[in-house]
Protein backbone atom coordinates (compact mmCIF):
# COMPACT_ATOMS: atom_id res chain seq x y z
CA MET A 1 -6.72 -22.26 127.13
CA LYS A 2 -6.50 -19.10 125.43
CA LYS A 3 -6.58 -20.68 122.01
CA LEU A 4 -9.62 -22.30 123.49
CA VAL A 5 -11.13 -19.30 124.26
CA ALA A 6 -10.04 -17.58 121.23
CA THR A 7 -11.95 -20.48 119.16
CA LEU A 8 -14.59 -20.25 121.37
CA ALA A 9 -14.96 -16.35 120.64
CA VAL A 10 -15.15 -16.97 117.11
CA CYS A 11 -17.43 -19.62 117.20
CA LYS A 12 -19.69 -16.70 119.01
CA VAL A 13 -19.04 -14.26 116.10
CA ILE A 14 -19.90 -16.58 113.23
CA CYS A 15 -23.26 -17.86 114.96
CA ALA A 16 -24.16 -14.32 115.63
CA LEU A 17 -23.78 -13.48 112.07
CA ALA A 18 -25.39 -16.85 110.59
CA VAL A 19 -28.68 -15.52 113.04
CA CYS A 20 -28.37 -12.19 111.56
CA PHE A 21 -28.25 -13.44 107.67
CA THR A 22 -31.39 -15.82 108.70
CA LEU A 23 -33.14 -13.38 110.31
CA THR A 24 -32.26 -10.99 107.49
CA PHE A 25 -33.07 -13.52 104.34
CA GLY A 26 -36.67 -14.30 105.92
CA ALA A 27 -37.68 -10.96 106.66
CA ASN A 28 -36.88 -10.03 103.15
CA ALA A 29 -38.44 -13.27 101.68
CA GLN A 30 -41.37 -12.16 104.22
CA SER A 31 -41.30 -8.87 102.76
CA GLN A 32 -41.57 -9.83 98.93
CA LYS A 33 -44.87 -9.49 97.62
CA ILE A 34 -45.05 -11.42 94.39
CA ALA A 35 -47.83 -11.30 91.23
CA THR A 36 -47.50 -13.93 88.31
CA ILE A 37 -49.04 -13.31 84.98
CA ASP A 38 -48.94 -15.07 81.53
CA MET A 39 -47.62 -13.13 78.97
CA VAL A 40 -48.14 -14.78 76.10
CA LYS A 41 -51.69 -15.20 76.74
CA VAL A 42 -52.12 -11.48 77.58
CA PHE A 43 -50.26 -10.63 74.19
CA ASN A 44 -52.23 -13.07 71.93
CA GLU A 45 -56.09 -11.93 73.87
CA TYR A 46 -55.25 -8.10 73.85
CA TYR A 47 -57.53 -6.77 71.08
CA LYS A 48 -54.45 -4.55 69.36
CA THR A 49 -52.52 -7.46 68.72
CA ALA A 50 -55.11 -8.79 66.21
CA GLN A 51 -54.71 -5.33 64.62
CA VAL A 52 -51.15 -5.19 64.70
CA ASN A 53 -51.34 -8.91 62.86
CA LYS A 54 -54.13 -7.64 60.12
CA GLN A 55 -51.28 -5.27 59.31
CA ILE A 56 -48.34 -7.64 59.43
CA SER A 57 -50.72 -10.01 56.84
CA GLU A 58 -51.38 -6.95 55.14
CA LEU A 59 -47.67 -5.71 54.51
CA SER A 60 -47.10 -9.57 53.41
CA GLU A 61 -49.48 -9.98 51.13
CA LYS A 62 -48.27 -6.60 49.33
CA TYR A 63 -44.78 -8.01 49.37
CA ASN A 64 -46.10 -10.89 47.81
CA ALA A 65 -48.10 -9.06 45.01
CA GLU A 66 -45.11 -7.06 44.02
CA TRP A 67 -42.92 -10.35 43.91
CA ILE A 68 -45.33 -11.67 41.87
CA GLN A 69 -45.20 -8.78 39.24
CA PHE A 70 -41.72 -9.43 39.35
CA GLU A 71 -41.62 -12.76 38.34
CA THR A 72 -44.51 -12.28 35.69
CA ASP A 73 -42.40 -9.38 34.16
CA LEU A 74 -39.47 -11.52 33.88
CA LYS A 75 -41.53 -14.33 32.27
CA ALA A 76 -42.67 -11.48 29.78
CA ILE A 77 -39.00 -10.55 28.77
CA LYS A 78 -37.53 -14.17 28.58
CA GLU A 79 -40.44 -15.11 26.35
CA GLU A 80 -39.92 -12.35 23.94
CA TYR A 81 -36.17 -12.99 24.18
CA LEU A 82 -36.44 -16.52 23.03
CA GLU A 83 -39.03 -15.41 20.19
CA VAL A 84 -36.27 -12.68 19.14
CA ILE A 85 -33.39 -16.14 19.04
CA LYS A 86 -36.18 -18.02 17.17
CA ARG A 87 -36.41 -15.27 14.17
CA LEU A 88 -32.69 -15.33 14.31
CA GLN A 89 -32.61 -18.85 13.33
CA ASP A 90 -34.69 -18.80 10.55
CA PRO A 91 -33.28 -19.03 7.38
CA SER A 92 -35.78 -17.35 5.18
CA ALA A 93 -35.20 -13.74 7.53
CA THR A 94 -33.47 -10.78 5.28
CA GLU A 95 -30.29 -9.34 7.08
CA GLU A 96 -32.25 -6.16 7.67
CA ALA A 97 -34.62 -7.78 10.04
CA LYS A 98 -31.94 -9.79 11.59
CA ALA A 99 -30.08 -6.97 12.07
CA LYS A 100 -32.82 -5.47 14.30
CA ASP A 101 -33.60 -8.88 15.88
CA THR A 102 -30.16 -9.11 16.81
CA GLU A 103 -30.40 -5.41 18.84
CA LEU A 104 -33.31 -6.50 20.57
CA ALA A 105 -32.06 -9.33 21.75
CA LYS A 106 -29.22 -7.35 23.27
CA GLN A 107 -31.72 -4.97 24.79
CA LEU A 108 -33.77 -7.91 26.32
CA ASN A 109 -31.18 -10.08 27.54
CA GLU A 110 -29.77 -6.73 29.36
CA LYS A 111 -33.08 -6.25 30.66
CA GLY A 112 -33.46 -9.84 32.05
CA LYS A 113 -30.37 -9.27 33.80
CA LYS A 114 -31.49 -5.88 35.41
CA GLN A 115 -34.73 -7.22 36.34
CA GLU A 116 -32.87 -10.19 38.00
CA THR A 117 -31.16 -7.87 39.69
CA ASP A 118 -33.63 -5.79 40.85
CA MET A 119 -35.71 -8.74 42.05
CA ALA A 120 -32.67 -10.10 44.07
CA GLN A 121 -32.35 -6.44 45.96
CA PHE A 122 -36.11 -6.26 46.66
CA LYS A 123 -36.40 -9.91 47.97
CA ALA A 124 -33.21 -8.87 50.93
CA ASN A 125 -34.66 -5.13 50.98
CA GLY A 126 -38.42 -6.51 51.36
CA LEU A 127 -37.59 -9.30 53.89
CA ARG A 128 -35.75 -7.09 55.79
CA THR A 129 -38.37 -4.10 55.41
CA LEU A 130 -40.97 -6.50 56.62
CA ASP A 131 -39.11 -8.51 59.68
CA SER A 132 -38.23 -4.96 60.86
CA GLU A 133 -41.78 -3.48 60.80
CA LYS A 134 -43.08 -6.94 62.20
CA SER A 135 -40.89 -6.25 65.36
CA ARG A 136 -41.59 -2.91 65.46
CA LEU A 137 -45.39 -3.11 65.62
CA ARG A 138 -44.98 -6.27 68.01
CA ALA A 139 -42.38 -4.49 70.41
CA LYS A 140 -45.19 -1.73 70.73
CA ILE A 141 -47.55 -4.13 72.13
CA ILE A 142 -44.97 -5.53 74.57
CA SER A 143 -44.48 -1.92 75.61
CA GLU A 144 -48.26 -1.06 76.26
CA ILE A 145 -48.73 -4.28 78.13
CA SER A 146 -45.89 -3.80 80.42
CA GLU A 147 -47.11 -0.22 81.36
CA VAL A 148 -49.78 -1.58 82.43
CA VAL A 149 -48.62 -4.32 84.35
CA SER A 150 -45.90 -2.21 86.01
CA LYS A 151 -49.16 0.33 87.18
CA ARG A 152 -51.21 -2.51 88.12
CA ALA A 153 -48.10 -4.08 90.51
CA GLN A 154 -47.64 -0.62 91.89
CA SER A 155 -50.74 0.26 93.01
CA GLU A 156 -51.39 -3.52 94.19
CA GLY A 157 -47.96 -3.17 96.10
CA TYR A 158 -46.07 -5.73 94.17
CA THR A 159 -42.86 -6.03 94.55
CA LEU A 160 -41.77 -8.99 91.55
CA VAL A 161 -44.02 -10.16 88.68
CA LEU A 162 -43.03 -13.50 87.25
CA ASN A 163 -44.31 -14.85 83.58
CA THR A 164 -45.51 -17.96 84.17
CA ALA A 165 -45.86 -18.18 80.21
CA TYR A 166 -44.48 -21.46 78.70
CA ASN A 167 -42.38 -21.33 75.38
CA GLU A 168 -42.25 -24.74 73.52
CA ASP A 169 -39.23 -23.45 71.86
CA ASP A 170 -37.42 -23.05 75.14
CA PRO A 171 -38.14 -26.03 77.33
CA LYS A 172 -36.37 -24.59 80.38
CA ARG A 173 -39.34 -22.98 82.52
CA PRO A 174 -38.08 -20.18 84.95
CA ILE A 175 -41.55 -20.84 86.95
CA ILE A 176 -42.23 -24.81 87.67
CA PHE A 177 -45.34 -24.04 89.73
CA THR A 178 -47.60 -21.52 90.99
CA SER A 179 -50.67 -21.54 92.99
CA GLY A 180 -52.32 -18.94 90.87
CA LYS A 181 -53.54 -16.90 93.90
CA ASN A 182 -51.51 -13.57 92.90
CA ASP A 183 -52.07 -13.87 89.36
CA ILE A 184 -53.06 -10.74 87.33
CA THR A 185 -52.89 -12.43 83.80
CA GLN A 186 -56.98 -11.53 83.63
CA GLU A 187 -57.16 -8.52 85.37
CA VAL A 188 -54.31 -7.02 83.44
CA LEU A 189 -56.30 -8.38 79.89
CA ASP A 190 -59.45 -6.59 81.38
CA ILE A 191 -57.72 -3.05 81.46
CA LEU A 192 -55.83 -3.95 78.33
CA ASN A 193 -59.31 -4.35 76.52
CA ALA A 194 -61.37 -2.06 78.38
CA ASP A 195 -61.85 0.30 75.56
CA ALA A 196 -61.92 -2.76 72.66
CA ASP A 197 -65.44 -2.43 71.47
CA LYS A 198 -64.82 1.65 71.14
CA LYS A 199 -61.63 1.36 69.25
CA THR A 200 -62.75 -1.45 66.61
CA GLU A 201 -66.23 0.52 65.80
């Protein structure tokens, strides 16, 4: 009998805890005010993104131009070296001329090797610098967008803002469905692009 009473008492405690948990969970769920935003859309349509993309394009063009100059210079060195070697193989060349060309060929060979080394370093450092600058500029844009999103969420009383953007490289979508009722994508874009005309004049 005592065991039965004890068992019933434990059951009552468990039930009471379960009710409390359900009420607490339900209250928390109801107190949440959730908004959604398509960060990819905002990033792509923010006017500063176009400016950043232009900067990145200019940096890429500058890098490509310098690389082409490297290749042009190396080609000229190789062509001159081949001409010198051709003169050295000429049986009619004097010993004095051969001595000068031998020294010149040595210098051109060393110059060509140095040029190839410089090109390898430029390629490695240039690409790293370019990638770093791309990341820096794009991170600045993301930071500006996030700041506007945070201020908007706080002013409207949202406790959570979820990103609904779909990334083709990552099939795992955290948000499967949204009614779009509390979507703040356009609101954020309007704020970000409010001074677009003034800034782009």
